[in-house]
């Protein structure tokens, strides 16, 4: 055994040049690189899962931009009241009251009560041949086409069971209340007043939530 042979080698290695043999196997660089990539991937998945949980519990108020920064979204709850309808007041509505039944005095009595409730009264008398003895219900409210969603609903608060009709060829703004065989009396004044309040002041709309980022 040569004097340059390290102790314990037992002649397994023999030095033939001026360099010592490598005492450890070469490093496995491929496995090390794979371990690094795997670690980065795991950390990325953990981070993404954490963001998802934050979105679930915060309602998604944080929004991540393309640059990776987070911007906070503001959540605003608004309880918007429905718009108040611009309906005419009873004092702005002229009503003609006609009796289409065989009972006498209905037109005058009804007109007097409507006047007490603030309506203007026009003609009062018997119904024309077109309606006389031909109205089976409580009555008919007749007006121009423009009155369908304005003055007709206001007058209807006094006689809810009446039929609504419009005439496109009719001129002016006056309304006709034609009393039919099914008429008993006008709606109680307190109930009519409450119906008018609900008509002009509807309930607030449902609460809506808006986000601004």
Protein backbone atom coordinates (compact mmCIF):
# COMPACT_ATOMS: atom_id res chain seq x y z
CA UNK A 1 0.00 0.00 0.00
CA UNK A 2 1.30 3.36 -0.94
CA UNK A 3 2.03 5.89 1.75
CA UNK A 4 -0.29 8.28 -0.07
CA UNK A 5 -3.21 5.93 0.27
CA UNK A 6 -5.54 7.17 3.06
CA UNK A 7 -5.86 4.87 6.04
CA UNK A 8 -8.80 2.44 5.94
CA UNK A 9 -9.12 2.37 2.19
CA UNK A 10 -7.72 -1.14 2.15
CA UNK A 11 -6.30 -0.69 -1.26
CA UNK A 12 -9.73 0.08 -2.73
CA UNK A 13 -8.54 3.38 -4.10
CA UNK A 14 -5.13 3.91 -5.59
CA UNK A 15 -3.68 7.29 -6.31
CA UNK A 16 -2.17 7.42 -9.73
CA UNK A 17 -2.02 11.17 -10.25
CA UNK A 18 -1.53 14.31 -8.26
CA UNK A 19 -5.26 14.66 -7.16
CA UNK A 20 -7.12 12.94 -4.38
CA UNK A 21 -10.23 10.94 -5.29
CA UNK A 22 -13.71 12.45 -4.56
CA UNK A 23 -14.78 11.32 -1.12
CA UNK A 24 -18.60 11.95 -1.55
CA UNK A 25 -21.05 11.22 -4.34
CA UNK A 26 -22.16 14.12 -6.64
CA UNK A 27 -25.07 16.31 -5.47
CA UNK A 28 -28.45 15.54 -6.91
CA UNK A 29 -29.40 19.00 -8.25
CA UNK A 30 -32.53 17.74 -10.03
CA UNK A 31 -34.22 16.58 -6.83
CA UNK A 32 -33.35 19.82 -5.06
CA UNK A 33 -34.90 21.95 -7.82
CA UNK A 34 -38.06 19.79 -7.83
CA UNK A 35 -38.42 20.19 -4.05
CA UNK A 36 -38.15 23.99 -4.36
CA UNK A 37 -40.81 24.15 -7.10
CA UNK A 38 -43.16 21.89 -5.13
CA UNK A 39 -42.78 24.06 -2.02
CA UNK A 40 -43.62 27.23 -3.97
CA UNK A 41 -46.70 25.56 -5.48
CA UNK A 42 -47.96 24.43 -2.05
CA UNK A 43 -47.49 27.91 -0.60
CA UNK A 44 -49.38 29.40 -3.55
CA UNK A 45 -52.34 27.05 -3.04
CA UNK A 46 -52.44 27.83 0.67
CA UNK A 47 -52.45 31.55 -0.04
CA UNK A 48 -55.21 31.24 -2.65
CA UNK A 49 -57.34 29.18 -0.25
CA UNK A 50 -56.88 31.81 2.45
CA UNK A 51 -58.12 34.54 0.09
CA UNK A 52 -61.18 32.48 -0.76
CA UNK A 53 -62.03 32.07 2.93
CA UNK A 54 -61.65 35.83 3.44
CA UNK A 55 -64.09 36.45 0.58
CA UNK A 56 -66.61 34.07 2.12
CA UNK A 57 -66.56 35.66 5.56
CA UNK A 58 -66.29 39.29 4.44
CA UNK A 59 -68.78 39.11 1.62
CA UNK A 60 -66.21 39.78 -1.06
CA UNK A 61 -65.65 43.37 0.01
CA UNK A 62 -61.96 43.13 -0.92
CA UNK A 63 -61.13 42.98 -4.57
CA UNK A 64 -57.67 41.98 -5.85
CA UNK A 65 -56.49 43.95 -8.85
CA UNK A 66 -54.31 42.64 -11.67
CA UNK A 67 -51.22 44.05 -9.99
CA UNK A 68 -51.88 41.99 -6.87
CA UNK A 69 -52.99 44.93 -4.70
CA UNK A 70 -56.26 44.88 -2.82
CA UNK A 71 -58.86 47.60 -3.08
CA UNK A 72 -61.69 47.85 -0.58
CA UNK A 73 -65.24 47.98 -1.89
CA UNK A 74 -67.78 50.04 0.01
CA UNK A 75 -71.16 48.48 0.61
CA UNK A 76 -74.04 50.92 0.79
CA UNK A 77 -77.56 49.98 1.89
CA UNK A 78 -80.30 52.28 0.72
CA UNK A 79 -83.96 52.21 1.59
CA UNK A 80 -85.42 54.19 -1.26
CA UNK A 81 -88.99 55.25 -0.79
CA UNK A 82 -91.30 54.81 -3.73
CA UNK A 83 -92.01 57.98 -5.61
CA UNK A 84 -95.11 59.82 -4.48
CA UNK A 85 -97.65 59.85 -7.28
CA UNK A 86 -98.64 63.29 -8.55
CA UNK A 87 -102.39 62.72 -8.34
CA UNK A 88 -104.99 65.48 -8.35
CA UNK A 89 -106.71 66.38 -5.11
CA UNK A 90 -110.49 65.90 -4.76
CA UNK A 91 -110.95 69.67 -5.04
CA UNK A 92 -109.40 69.53 -8.53
CA UNK A 93 -111.82 66.90 -9.80
CA UNK A 94 -115.29 67.69 -11.14
CA UNK A 95 -117.76 64.81 -10.88
CA UNK A 96 -121.06 64.46 -12.74
CA UNK A 97 -123.42 62.16 -10.82
CA UNK A 98 -126.04 60.20 -12.76
CA UNK A 99 -128.63 57.73 -11.50
CA UNK A 100 -129.12 54.63 -13.70
CA UNK A 101 -131.48 52.86 -11.26
CA UNK A 102 -135.21 53.02 -10.61
CA UNK A 103 -134.60 54.45 -7.14
CA UNK A 104 -135.13 58.16 -6.86
CA UNK A 105 -132.90 60.65 -5.08
CA UNK A 106 -129.66 58.60 -5.35
CA UNK A 107 -127.88 61.06 -7.64
CA UNK A 108 -128.56 64.08 -5.45
CA UNK A 109 -127.73 62.36 -2.16
CA UNK A 110 -124.50 60.94 -3.57
CA UNK A 111 -123.51 64.29 -5.08
CA UNK A 112 -124.10 66.06 -1.76
CA UNK A 113 -121.87 63.55 0.06
CA UNK A 114 -119.10 63.85 -2.52
CA UNK A 115 -119.25 67.62 -2.17
CA UNK A 116 -118.75 67.28 1.61
CA UNK A 117 -115.66 65.19 0.89
CA UNK A 118 -114.09 67.93 -1.19
CA UNK A 119 -115.05 67.03 -4.77
CA UNK A 120 -116.47 69.55 -7.21
CA UNK A 121 -119.92 68.64 -8.48
CA UNK A 122 -121.04 69.15 -12.06
CA UNK A 123 -124.27 67.78 -13.53
CA UNK A 124 -126.67 65.78 -11.34
CA UNK A 125 -129.58 63.78 -12.74
CA UNK A 126 -130.71 60.61 -14.46
CA UNK A 127 -128.36 58.56 -16.62
CA UNK A 128 -128.56 58.61 -20.40
CA UNK A 129 -130.32 55.86 -22.36
CA UNK A 130 -126.96 54.18 -22.93
CA UNK A 131 -126.76 53.39 -19.19
CA UNK A 132 -130.28 53.82 -17.77
CA UNK A 133 -131.42 50.57 -16.08
CA UNK A 134 -128.43 48.78 -17.64
CA UNK A 135 -125.80 49.04 -14.91
CA UNK A 136 -126.03 45.95 -12.69
CA UNK A 137 -123.03 46.61 -10.49
CA UNK A 138 -122.41 49.32 -7.92
CA UNK A 139 -121.62 51.86 -10.60
CA UNK A 140 -119.37 53.03 -13.41
CA UNK A 141 -116.66 55.66 -13.24
CA UNK A 142 -116.26 57.17 -16.70
CA UNK A 143 -113.65 59.68 -17.85
CA UNK A 144 -111.22 60.64 -20.61
CA UNK A 145 -108.23 58.43 -21.39
CA UNK A 146 -105.95 60.81 -19.49
CA UNK A 147 -107.91 60.12 -16.28
CA UNK A 148 -107.12 56.39 -16.16
CA UNK A 149 -104.15 56.71 -13.80
CA UNK A 150 -104.89 60.15 -12.37
CA UNK A 151 -108.36 61.33 -11.37
CA UNK A 152 -110.22 58.01 -11.79
CA UNK A 153 -108.25 56.23 -9.00
CA UNK A 154 -108.89 59.20 -6.71
CA UNK A 155 -112.65 59.04 -7.26
CA UNK A 156 -112.52 55.25 -6.93
CA UNK A 157 -111.51 55.61 -3.28
CA UNK A 158 -115.12 56.71 -2.65
CA UNK A 159 -116.68 53.75 -4.48
CA UNK A 160 -114.13 50.89 -4.76
CA UNK A 161 -116.60 48.46 -6.31
CA UNK A 162 -117.31 50.69 -9.30
CA UNK A 163 -116.15 49.76 -12.80
CA UNK A 164 -113.53 52.00 -14.44
CA UNK A 165 -114.04 53.10 -18.04
CA UNK A 166 -112.38 55.63 -20.31
CA UNK A 167 -113.50 57.22 -23.57
CA UNK A 168 -110.74 58.29 -25.96
CA UNK A 169 -113.13 60.64 -27.78
CA UNK A 170 -114.20 62.35 -24.56
CA UNK A 171 -113.00 65.93 -24.11
CA UNK A 172 -112.29 67.80 -20.93
CA UNK A 173 -111.34 66.40 -17.53
CA UNK A 174 -114.76 65.87 -15.87
CA UNK A 175 -115.66 62.42 -14.57
CA UNK A 176 -119.04 60.67 -14.53
CA UNK A 177 -120.23 58.60 -11.60
CA UNK A 178 -123.09 56.45 -12.92
CA UNK A 179 -124.92 54.75 -10.07
CA UNK A 180 -125.95 51.14 -10.75
CA UNK A 181 -128.44 48.68 -9.25
CA UNK A 182 -125.80 47.23 -6.91
CA UNK A 183 -125.10 50.59 -5.27
CA UNK A 184 -125.76 50.83 -1.54
CA UNK A 185 -123.66 53.70 -0.30
CA UNK A 186 -120.31 55.36 -0.79
CA UNK A 187 -117.27 54.02 0.99
CA UNK A 188 -117.14 55.14 4.64
CA UNK A 189 -115.38 58.47 4.78
CA UNK A 190 -112.63 57.28 7.12
CA UNK A 191 -111.94 54.30 4.87
CA UNK A 192 -112.01 56.51 1.78
CA UNK A 193 -109.58 58.97 3.35
CA UNK A 194 -107.21 56.13 4.31
CA UNK A 195 -107.39 54.71 0.77
CA UNK A 196 -106.54 58.14 -0.62
CA UNK A 197 -103.51 58.44 1.68
CA UNK A 198 -102.24 55.00 0.61
CA UNK A 199 -102.80 55.93 -3.03
CA UNK A 200 -100.72 59.10 -2.87
CA UNK A 201 -98.10 57.83 -0.39
CA UNK A 202 -97.18 54.21 -1.22
CA UNK A 203 -95.06 52.04 1.07
CA UNK A 204 -91.25 52.43 0.79
CA UNK A 205 -89.50 50.12 -1.63
CA UNK A 206 -87.43 47.17 -0.42
CA UNK A 207 -83.92 47.84 0.85
CA UNK A 208 -81.28 47.53 -1.86
CA UNK A 209 -77.54 47.02 -1.41
CA UNK A 210 -74.98 48.57 -3.73
CA UNK A 211 -71.21 48.16 -3.90
CA UNK A 212 -68.79 50.78 -5.15
CA UNK A 213 -65.13 49.93 -5.65
